[in-house]
PDB file of N, CA and C in Angstrom:
ATOM      1  N   MET A   1     102.772  99.558 106.406  1.00  0.00           N
ATOM      2  CA  MET A   1     101.566 100.271 106.354  1.00  0.00           C
ATOM      3  C   MET A   1     100.243  99.352 107.225  1.00  0.00           C
ATOM      4  N   GLN A   2      99.518  99.937 107.607  1.00  0.00           N
ATOM      5  CA  GLN A   2      98.410  99.399 108.430  1.00  0.00           C
ATOM      6  C   GLN A   2      97.437  98.753 107.084  1.00  0.00           C
ATOM      7  N   LEU A   3      96.683  98.032 107.662  1.00  0.00           N
ATOM      8  CA  LEU A   3      95.885  97.497 106.553  1.00  0.00           C
ATOM      9  C   LEU A   3      94.835  98.349 106.169  1.00  0.00           C
ATOM     10  N   VAL A   4      94.312  99.278 107.068  1.00  0.00           N
ATOM     11  CA  VAL A   4      93.349  99.972 106.663  1.00  0.00           C
ATOM     12  C   VAL A   4      93.706 101.135 105.572  1.00  0.00           C
ATOM     13  N   ALA A   5      95.128 101.706 105.686  1.00  0.00           N
ATOM     14  CA  ALA A   5      95.766 102.393 105.003  1.00  0.00           C
ATOM     15  C   ALA A   5      96.004 101.886 103.656  1.00  0.00           C
ATOM     16  N   ALA A   6      96.336 100.446 103.667  1.00  0.00           N
ATOM     17  CA  ALA A   6      96.640  99.550 102.573  1.00  0.00           C
ATOM     18  C   ALA A   6      95.578  99.639 101.577  1.00  0.00           C
ATOM     19  N   GLN A   7      94.248  99.505 102.292  1.00  0.00           N
ATOM     20  CA  GLN A   7      93.355  99.649 101.680  1.00  0.00           C
ATOM     21  C   GLN A   7      92.779 100.870 100.937  1.00  0.00           C
ATOM     22  N   GLN A   8      93.175 101.667 101.683  1.00  0.00           N
ATOM     23  CA  GLN A   8      92.647 103.367 101.163  1.00  0.00           C
ATOM     24  C   GLN A   8      93.362 103.870  99.537  1.00  0.00           C
ATOM     25  N   VAL A   9      94.997 103.461 100.070  1.00  0.00           N
ATOM     26  CA  VAL A   9      95.576 103.315  99.227  1.00  0.00           C
ATOM     27  C   VAL A   9      95.333 102.729  97.687  1.00  0.00           C
ATOM     28  N   SER A  10      94.900 101.406  98.154  1.00  0.00           N
ATOM     29  CA  SER A  10      94.391 100.592  96.732  1.00  0.00           C
ATOM     30  C   SER A  10      93.262 101.295  95.955  1.00  0.00           C
ATOM     31  N   ASP A  11      92.136 101.596  96.925  1.00  0.00           N
ATOM     32  CA  ASP A  11      91.373 102.440  96.546  1.00  0.00           C
ATOM     33  C   ASP A  11      91.476 104.038  95.693  1.00  0.00           C
ATOM     34  N   PHE A  12      92.204 104.432  96.303  1.00  0.00           N
ATOM     35  CA  PHE A  12      92.702 105.794  95.562  1.00  0.00           C
ATOM     36  C   PHE A  12      93.257 105.174  94.144  1.00  0.00           C
ATOM     37  N   LEU A  13      94.248 104.490  94.322  1.00  0.00           N
ATOM     38  CA  LEU A  13      95.024 104.156  92.783  1.00  0.00           C
ATOM     39  C   LEU A  13      93.862 103.621  92.242  1.00  0.00           C
ATOM     40  N   ARG A  14      92.880 102.856  92.216  1.00  0.00           N
ATOM     41  CA  ARG A  14      92.221 102.414  91.371  1.00  0.00           C
ATOM     42  C   ARG A  14      90.993 103.505  91.044  1.00  0.00           C
ATOM     43  N   THR A  15      90.879 104.573  92.016  1.00  0.00           N
ATOM     44  CA  THR A  15      90.167 105.199  91.355  1.00  0.00           C
ATOM     45  C   THR A  15      90.921 106.415  90.435  1.00  0.00           C
ATOM     46  N   CYS A  16      92.300 106.350  90.453  1.00  0.00           N
ATOM     47  CA  CYS A  16      93.151 107.166  89.529  1.00  0.00           C
ATOM     48  C   CYS A  16      93.020 106.609  88.131  1.00  0.00           C
ATOM     49  N   ALA A  17      93.240 105.380  88.532  1.00  0.00           N
ATOM     50  CA  ALA A  17      93.071 104.611  87.034  1.00  0.00           C
ATOM     51  C   ALA A  17      92.078 104.595  86.085  1.00  0.00           C
ATOM     52  N   GLU A  18      91.017 104.658  86.895  1.00  0.00           N
ATOM     53  CA  GLU A  18      89.789 104.676  85.758  1.00  0.00           C
ATOM     54  C   GLU A  18      89.689 106.149  85.590  1.00  0.00           C
ATOM     55  N   SER A  19      90.185 107.217  85.825  1.00  0.00           N
ATOM     56  CA  SER A  19      90.268 108.437  85.222  1.00  0.00           C
ATOM     57  C   SER A  19      91.655 109.038  84.761  1.00  0.00           C
ATOM     58  N   ALA A  20      92.501 107.917  84.645  1.00  0.00           N
ATOM     59  CA  ALA A  20      93.755 108.452  83.758  1.00  0.00           C
ATOM     60  C   ALA A  20      93.601 108.037  82.390  1.00  0.00           C
ATOM     61  N   VAL A  21      94.462 108.673  81.558  1.00  0.00           N
ATOM     62  CA  VAL A  21      94.705 108.421  80.063  1.00  0.00           C
ATOM     63  C   VAL A  21      95.806 107.728  79.914  1.00  0.00           C
ATOM     64  N   VAL A  22      96.846 107.970  80.895  1.00  0.00           N
ATOM     65  CA  VAL A  22      98.066 107.176  80.974  1.00  0.00           C
ATOM     66  C   VAL A  22      98.288 106.347  82.259  1.00  0.00           C
ATOM     67  N   PRO A  23      98.283 105.041  82.113  1.00  0.00           N
ATOM     68  CA  PRO A  23      98.656 104.521  83.703  1.00  0.00           C
ATOM     69  C   PRO A  23      99.913 104.747  84.500  1.00  0.00           C
ATOM     70  N   THR A  24     100.899 105.404  83.878  1.00  0.00           N
ATOM     71  CA  THR A  24     102.258 105.590  84.468  1.00  0.00           C
ATOM     72  C   THR A  24     102.228 106.119  85.516  1.00  0.00           C
ATOM     73  N   PRO A  25     101.816 107.287  85.367  1.00  0.00           N
ATOM     74  CA  PRO A  25     101.971 108.240  86.621  1.00  0.00           C
ATOM     75  C   PRO A  25     100.895 107.431  87.942  1.00  0.00           C
ATOM     76  N   VAL A  26      99.808 106.617  87.513  1.00  0.00           N
ATOM     77  CA  VAL A  26      99.164 105.809  88.591  1.00  0.00           C
ATOM     78  C   VAL A  26     100.092 105.182  89.326  1.00  0.00           C
ATOM     79  N   ALA A  27     100.867 104.097  88.641  1.00  0.00           N
ATOM     80  CA  ALA A  27     102.040 103.414  89.531  1.00  0.00           C
ATOM     81  C   ALA A  27     103.181 104.312  90.413  1.00  0.00           C
ATOM     82  N   ALA A  28     103.432 105.187  89.695  1.00  0.00           N
ATOM     83  CA  ALA A  28     104.188 106.167  90.453  1.00  0.00           C
ATOM     84  C   ALA A  28     103.500 107.015  91.784  1.00  0.00           C
ATOM     85  N   TYR A  29     102.382 107.082  91.475  1.00  0.00           N
ATOM     86  CA  TYR A  29     101.707 107.817  92.535  1.00  0.00           C
ATOM     87  C   TYR A  29     101.638 106.622  93.829  1.00  0.00           C
ATOM     88  N   GLY A  30     101.562 105.172  93.386  1.00  0.00           N
ATOM     89  CA  GLY A  30     101.551 104.316  94.681  1.00  0.00           C
ATOM     90  C   GLY A  30     103.022 104.001  95.229  1.00  0.00           C
ATOM     91  N   ARG A  31     103.586 104.418  94.053  1.00  0.00           N
ATOM     92  CA  ARG A  31     105.041 104.193  95.160  1.00  0.00           C
ATOM     93  C   ARG A  31     105.457 105.335  95.962  1.00  0.00           C
ATOM     94  N   ASP A  32     105.013 106.757  95.723  1.00  0.00           N
ATOM     95  CA  ASP A  32     105.179 107.874  96.177  1.00  0.00           C
ATOM     96  C   ASP A  32     104.476 107.629  97.446  1.00  0.00           C
ATOM     97  N   ILE A  33     103.328 107.300  97.546  1.00  0.00           N
ATOM     98  CA  ILE A  33     102.640 107.390  98.793  1.00  0.00           C
ATOM     99  C   ILE A  33     103.190 105.963  99.673  1.00  0.00           C
ATOM    100  N   LYS A  34     103.535 105.151  99.005  1.00  0.00           N
ATOM    101  CA  LYS A  34     104.168 104.293  99.895  1.00  0.00           C
ATOM    102  C   LYS A  34     105.250 104.341 100.442  1.00  0.00           C
ATOM    103  N   GLN A  35     106.011 105.162  99.746  1.00  0.00           N
ATOM    104  CA  GLN A  35     107.319 105.484 100.588  1.00  0.00           C
ATOM    105  C   GLN A  35     106.969 106.620 101.522  1.00  0.00           C
ATOM    106  N   LEU A  36     105.922 107.654 101.520  1.00  0.00           N
ATOM    107  CA  LEU A  36     105.732 108.461 102.518  1.00  0.00           C
ATOM    108  C   LEU A  36     105.023 107.667 103.920  1.00  0.00           C
ATOM    109  N   PHE A  37     104.288 106.134 103.489  1.00  0.00           N
ATOM    110  CA  PHE A  37     103.826 105.413 104.866  1.00  0.00           C
ATOM    111  C   PHE A  37     105.010 104.879 105.532  1.00  0.00           C
ATOM    112  N   GLY A  38     105.937 104.556 104.523  1.00  0.00           N
ATOM    113  CA  GLY A  38     107.254 103.846 104.979  1.00  0.00           C
ATOM    114  C   GLY A  38     108.274 104.850 105.965  1.00  0.00           C
ATOM    115  N   PHE A  39     108.218 106.068 105.503  1.00  0.00           N
ATOM    116  CA  PHE A  39     109.177 107.026 106.155  1.00  0.00           C
ATOM    117  C   PHE A  39     108.154 107.451 107.470  1.00  0.00           C
ATOM    118  N   ALA A  40     107.013 107.481 107.321  1.00  0.00           N
ATOM    119  CA  ALA A  40     106.161 107.808 108.860  1.00  0.00           C
ATOM    120  C   ALA A  40     106.505 106.991 109.409  1.00  0.00           C
ATOM    121  N   ALA A  41     106.378 105.761 109.273  1.00  0.00           N
ATOM    122  CA  ALA A  41     106.535 104.217 110.282  1.00  0.00           C
ATOM    123  C   ALA A  41     108.118 104.258 110.787  1.00  0.00           C
ATOM    124  N   SER A  42     108.818 104.879 110.220  1.00  0.00           N
ATOM    125  CA  SER A  42     110.713 104.795 110.525  1.00  0.00           C
ATOM    126  C   SER A  42     110.968 105.401 111.630  1.00  0.00           C
ATOM    127  N   ALA A  43     111.915 105.542 111.989  1.00  0.00           N
ATOM    128  CA  ALA A  43     112.461 106.096 112.892  1.00  0.00           C
ATOM    129  C   ALA A  43     112.266 107.528 113.109  1.00  0.00           C
ATOM    130  N   ALA A  44     112.934 108.327 112.181  1.00  0.00           N
ATOM    131  CA  ALA A  44     112.480 109.617 111.756  1.00  0.00           C
ATOM    132  C   ALA A  44     111.126 110.263 112.221  1.00  0.00           C
ATOM    133  N   SER A  45     109.897 109.145 112.638  1.00  0.00           N
ATOM    134  CA  SER A  45     108.502 109.829 112.859  1.00  0.00           C
ATOM    135  C   SER A  45     108.263 108.278 113.472  1.00  0.00           C
ATOM    136  N   ARG A  46     108.457 108.490 115.220  1.00  0.00           N
ATOM    137  CA  ARG A  46     107.951 107.494 115.872  1.00  0.00           C
ATOM    138  C   ARG A  46     106.931 107.105 116.070  1.00  0.00           C
ATOM    139  N   ARG A  47     105.796 107.824 115.952  1.00  0.00           N
ATOM    140  CA  ARG A  47     104.652 107.733 116.096  1.00  0.00           C
ATOM    141  C   ARG A  47     104.113 107.063 115.196  1.00  0.00           C
ATOM    142  N   GLY A  48     104.758 106.860 113.931  1.00  0.00           N
ATOM    143  CA  GLY A  48     103.983 106.260 112.827  1.00  0.00           C
ATOM    144  C   GLY A  48     102.484 106.880 112.166  1.00  0.00           C
ATOM    145  N   THR A  49     102.433 108.065 112.269  1.00  0.00           N
ATOM    146  CA  THR A  49     101.528 109.219 111.992  1.00  0.00           C
ATOM    147  C   THR A  49     101.784 110.122 110.969  1.00  0.00           C
ATOM    148  N   CYS A  50     101.455 110.312 110.103  1.00  0.00           N
ATOM    149  CA  CYS A  50     101.717 111.397 109.289  1.00  0.00           C
ATOM    150  C   CYS A  50     101.210 112.686 109.625  1.00  0.00           C
ATOM    151  N   SER A  51     101.859 113.558 109.332  1.00  0.00           N
ATOM    152  CA  SER A  51     101.504 115.135 109.780  1.00  0.00           C
ATOM    153  C   SER A  51     101.922 115.983 108.653  1.00  0.00           C
ATOM    154  N   TYR A  52     101.647 117.221 108.808  1.00  0.00           N
ATOM    155  CA  TYR A  52     102.620 118.485 107.783  1.00  0.00           C
ATOM    156  C   TYR A  52     103.880 118.078 108.030  1.00  0.00           C
ATOM    157  N   CYS A  53     104.324 118.099 109.449  1.00  0.00           N
ATOM    158  CA  CYS A  53     105.932 118.263 109.771  1.00  0.00           C
ATOM    159  C   CYS A  53     106.562 116.622 108.958  1.00  0.00           C
ATOM    160  N   THR A  54     105.917 115.469 109.219  1.00  0.00           N
ATOM    161  CA  THR A  54     106.324 114.149 108.463  1.00  0.00           C
ATOM    162  C   THR A  54     106.706 114.897 106.859  1.00  0.00           C
ATOM    163  N   VAL A  55     105.570 115.233 106.353  1.00  0.00           N
ATOM    164  CA  VAL A  55     105.765 115.420 104.759  1.00  0.00           C
ATOM    165  C   VAL A  55     107.082 116.134 104.740  1.00  0.00           C
ATOM    166  N   ARG A  56     106.810 117.797 105.368  1.00  0.00           N
ATOM    167  CA  ARG A  56     107.969 118.498 105.116  1.00  0.00           C
ATOM    168  C   ARG A  56     109.665 118.120 105.281  1.00  0.00           C
ATOM    169  N   THR A  57     109.860 117.194 106.372  1.00  0.00           N
ATOM    170  CA  THR A  57     110.701 116.361 106.571  1.00  0.00           C
ATOM    171  C   THR A  57     111.136 115.586 105.522  1.00  0.00           C
ATOM    172  N   PHE A  58     110.284 114.484 105.079  1.00  0.00           N
ATOM    173  CA  PHE A  58     110.376 113.944 104.122  1.00  0.00           C
ATOM    174  C   PHE A  58     111.086 114.568 103.063  1.00  0.00           C
ATOM    175  N   VAL A  59     110.320 115.241 102.440  1.00  0.00           N
ATOM    176  CA  VAL A  59     110.784 116.384 101.177  1.00  0.00           C
ATOM    177  C   VAL A  59     112.262 116.926 101.743  1.00  0.00           C
ATOM    178  N   ALA A  60     112.160 117.454 102.313  1.00  0.00           N
ATOM    179  CA  ALA A  60     113.516 118.327 102.913  1.00  0.00           C
ATOM    180  C   ALA A  60     114.925 116.988 102.851  1.00  0.00           C
ATOM    181  N   GLU A  61     114.416 115.880 103.571  1.00  0.00           N
ATOM    182  CA  GLU A  61     115.542 114.671 103.671  1.00  0.00           C
ATOM    183  C   GLU A  61     115.797 114.401 101.759  1.00  0.00           C
ATOM    184  N   ARG A  62     114.927 114.212 100.970  1.00  0.00           N
ATOM    185  CA  ARG A  62     114.968 113.554  99.738  1.00  0.00           C
ATOM    186  C   ARG A  62     115.541 114.752  99.003  1.00  0.00           C
ATOM    187  N   HIS A  63     115.338 116.226  99.117  1.00  0.00           N
ATOM    188  CA  HIS A  63     115.914 117.366  98.467  1.00  0.00           C
ATOM    189  C   HIS A  63     117.581 117.186  98.950  1.00  0.00           C
ATOM    190  N   HIS A  64     118.054 117.262 100.017  1.00  0.00           N
ATOM    191  CA  HIS A  64     119.211 117.081 100.624  1.00  0.00           C
ATOM    192  C   HIS A  64     119.992 116.021  99.994  1.00  0.00           C
ATOM    193  N   ARG A  65     119.262 114.763  99.800  1.00  0.00           N
ATOM    194  CA  ARG A  65     120.264 113.622  99.347  1.00  0.00           C
ATOM    195  C   ARG A  65     120.177 113.827  97.558  1.00  0.00           C
ATOM    196  N   GLY A  66     119.315 114.814  96.943  1.00  0.00           N
ATOM    197  CA  GLY A  66     119.838 115.050  95.427  1.00  0.00           C
ATOM    198  C   GLY A  66     118.567 114.422  94.913  1.00  0.00           C
ATOM    199  N   LEU A  67     117.506 114.183  95.183  1.00  0.00           N
ATOM    200  CA  LEU A  67     116.394 114.066  94.494  1.00  0.00           C
ATOM    201  C   LEU A  67     115.957 115.454  93.767  1.00  0.00           C
ATOM    202  N   ALA A  68     115.995 115.063  92.170  1.00  0.00           N
ATOM    203  CA  ALA A  68     115.315 116.183  91.495  1.00  0.00           C
ATOM    204  C   ALA A  68     113.903 117.048  91.861  1.00  0.00           C
ATOM    205  N   GLY A  69     114.136 118.327  91.612  1.00  0.00           N
ATOM    206  CA  GLY A  69     112.958 118.943  92.053  1.00  0.00           C
ATOM    207  C   GLY A  69     111.802 118.464  91.050  1.00  0.00           C
ATOM    208  N   HIS A  70     111.803 117.911  89.705  1.00  0.00           N
ATOM    209  CA  HIS A  70     110.417 117.432  89.163  1.00  0.00           C
ATOM    210  C   HIS A  70     109.932 116.153  89.877  1.00  0.00           C
ATOM    211  N   SER A  71     110.895 115.448  90.021  1.00  0.00           N
ATOM    212  CA  SER A  71     110.523 114.417  91.271  1.00  0.00           C
ATOM    213  C   SER A  71     110.074 114.542  92.605  1.00  0.00           C
ATOM    214  N   LEU A  72     110.207 115.772  93.204  1.00  0.00           N
ATOM    215  CA  LEU A  72     109.514 115.990  94.575  1.00  0.00           C
ATOM    216  C   LEU A  72     108.129 116.889  94.366  1.00  0.00           C
ATOM    217  N   GLN A  73     108.465 117.358  93.252  1.00  0.00           N
ATOM    218  CA  GLN A  73     107.036 118.161  92.828  1.00  0.00           C
ATOM    219  C   GLN A  73     106.012 116.589  92.440  1.00  0.00           C
ATOM    220  N   ARG A  74     106.444 115.766  91.635  1.00  0.00           N
ATOM    221  CA  ARG A  74     105.297 114.656  91.578  1.00  0.00           C
ATOM    222  C   ARG A  74     105.185 113.918  92.686  1.00  0.00           C
ATOM    223  N   TRP A  75     106.267 113.891  93.520  1.00  0.00           N
ATOM    224  CA  TRP A  75     105.884 113.007  95.119  1.00  0.00           C
ATOM    225  C   TRP A  75     104.667 113.602  95.685  1.00  0.00           C
ATOM    226  N   LEU A  76     104.722 115.290  95.887  1.00  0.00           N
ATOM    227  CA  LEU A  76     104.211 115.981  96.667  1.00  0.00           C
ATOM    228  C   LEU A  76     102.650 116.021  95.876  1.00  0.00           C
ATOM    229  N   SER A  77     102.703 115.946  94.709  1.00  0.00           N
ATOM    230  CA  SER A  77     101.246 115.690  93.937  1.00  0.00           C
ATOM    231  C   SER A  77     100.648 114.751  94.180  1.00  0.00           C
ATOM    232  N   ALA A  78     101.311 113.526  94.568  1.00  0.00           N
ATOM    233  CA  ALA A  78     100.793 112.270  94.761  1.00  0.00           C
ATOM    234  C   ALA A  78     100.286 112.449  96.139  1.00  0.00           C
ATOM    235  N   VAL A  79     101.162 113.188  97.028  1.00  0.00           N
ATOM    236  CA  VAL A  79     100.490 113.283  98.507  1.00  0.00           C
ATOM    237  C   VAL A  79      98.864 113.812  98.340  1.00  0.00           C
ATOM    238  N   ARG A  80      99.366 115.033  97.684  1.00  0.00           N
ATOM    239  CA  ARG A  80      98.215 115.899  97.759  1.00  0.00           C
ATOM    240  C   ARG A  80      96.843 115.500  97.189  1.00  0.00           C
ATOM    241  N   ALA A  81      97.016 114.752  96.322  1.00  0.00           N
ATOM    242  CA  ALA A  81      96.057 113.946  95.350  1.00  0.00           C
ATOM    243  C   ALA A  81      95.315 112.954  96.469  1.00  0.00           C
ATOM    244  N   PHE A  82      96.586 111.913  97.251  1.00  0.00           N
ATOM    245  CA  PHE A  82      95.459 111.108  98.221  1.00  0.00           C
ATOM    246  C   PHE A  82      95.132 111.965  99.218  1.00  0.00           C
ATOM    247  N   TYR A  83      95.305 112.835  99.810  1.00  0.00           N
ATOM    248  CA  TYR A  83      94.799 113.619 101.180  1.00  0.00           C
ATOM    249  C   TYR A  83      93.427 114.377 100.761  1.00  0.00           C
ATOM    250  N   ARG A  84      93.149 114.738  99.387  1.00  0.00           N
ATOM    251  CA  ARG A  84      92.018 115.094  98.802  1.00  0.00           C
ATOM    252  C   ARG A  84      91.172 114.024  98.820  1.00  0.00           C
ATOM    253  N   TYR A  85      91.470 112.876  98.084  1.00  0.00           N
ATOM    254  CA  TYR A  85      90.899 111.609  98.134  1.00  0.00           C
ATOM    255  C   TYR A  85      90.062 111.402  99.608  1.00  0.00           C
ATOM    256  N   LEU A  86      91.126 111.163 100.468  1.00  0.00           N
ATOM    257  CA  LEU A  86      90.785 110.986 102.263  1.00  0.00           C
ATOM    258  C   LEU A  86      89.742 112.213 102.433  1.00  0.00           C
ATOM    259  N   LEU A  87      89.948 113.136 102.287  1.00  0.00           N
ATOM    260  CA  LEU A  87      89.321 114.314 102.929  1.00  0.00           C
ATOM    261  C   LEU A  87      87.691 113.753 102.014  1.00  0.00           C
ATOM    262  N   ARG A  88      87.460 113.824 101.203  1.00  0.00           N
ATOM    263  CA  ARG A  88      86.261 113.757 100.151  1.00  0.00           C
ATOM    264  C   ARG A  88      85.820 112.372 100.598  1.00  0.00           C
ATOM    265  N   ASN A  89      86.128 111.187 100.838  1.00  0.00           N
ATOM    266  CA  ASN A  89      85.537 110.059 101.707  1.00  0.00           C
ATOM    267  C   ASN A  89      85.555 110.025 103.253  1.00  0.00           C
ATOM    268  N   GLY A  90      85.869 111.314 103.663  1.00  0.00           N
ATOM    269  CA  GLY A  90      85.760 111.247 105.428  1.00  0.00           C
ATOM    270  C   GLY A  90      86.747 110.493 106.017  1.00  0.00           C
ATOM    271  N   ALA A  91      87.811 110.164 105.741  1.00  0.00           N
ATOM    272  CA  ALA A  91      88.763 109.090 106.146  1.00  0.00           C
ATOM    273  C   ALA A  91      89.573 109.869 107.088  1.00  0.00           C
ATOM    274  N   VAL A  92      89.856 111.289 106.741  1.00  0.00           N
ATOM    275  CA  VAL A  92      90.577 112.333 107.690  1.00  0.00           C
ATOM    276  C   VAL A  92      90.231 113.747 107.531  1.00  0.00           C
ATOM    277  N   ALA A  93      90.195 114.342 108.703  1.00  0.00           N
ATOM    278  CA  ALA A  93      89.897 115.866 108.786  1.00  0.00           C
ATOM    279  C   ALA A  93      90.714 116.510 108.359  1.00  0.00           C
ATOM    280  N   ALA A  94      90.055 117.740 107.708  1.00  0.00           N
ATOM    281  CA  ALA A  94      90.936 118.795 107.206  1.00  0.00           C
ATOM    282  C   ALA A  94      91.980 119.418 108.092  1.00  0.00           C
ATOM    283  N   ILE A  95      93.078 120.005 107.930  1.00  0.00           N
ATOM    284  CA  ILE A  95      94.028 120.060 108.801  1.00  0.00           C
ATOM    285  C   ILE A  95      94.184 121.478 108.728  1.00  0.00           C
ATOM    286  N   ARG A  96      94.087 122.169 109.889  1.00  0.00           N
ATOM    287  CA  ARG A  96      94.412 123.748 109.683  1.00  0.00           C
ATOM    288  C   ARG A  96      95.633 123.736 110.195  1.00  0.00           C
ATOM    289  N   HIS A  97      97.073 124.748 109.449  1.00  0.00           N
ATOM    290  CA  HIS A  97      98.206 124.799 110.017  1.00  0.00           C
ATOM    291  C   HIS A  97      98.346 126.308 109.796  1.00  0.00           C
ATOM    292  N   LYS A  98      98.752 126.526 111.052  1.00  0.00           N
ATOM    293  CA  LYS A  98      99.349 127.985 111.376  1.00  0.00           C
ATOM    294  C   LYS A  98     100.847 127.820 110.602  1.00  0.00           C
ATOM    295  N   VAL A  99     101.080 129.094 109.506  1.00  0.00           N
ATOM    296  CA  VAL A  99     102.516 128.953 109.029  1.00  0.00           C
ATOM    297  C   VAL A  99     103.277 130.074 109.687  1.00  0.00           C
TER     298      VAL A  99
END
């Protein structure tokens, strides 16, 4: 994970913790986001970037390996929340995806 990304994740988790009633989901969100960065940096995504396709591939791979649906839902929730945080802070541009 790049230094800038690590700082953004840290800031995001701090923001989540300040508004969370229970800290457990915040820790899980941190693990989930770090998994995404690790996957994006792996051989499966040689560019080291994270795109819509990277997220879909990650979910499909985890589903194929038998990860439970509720775990995948939580993981996607973490990714969506982090993406919205980055949008609000101007760290990324909105993605327009054709389906």
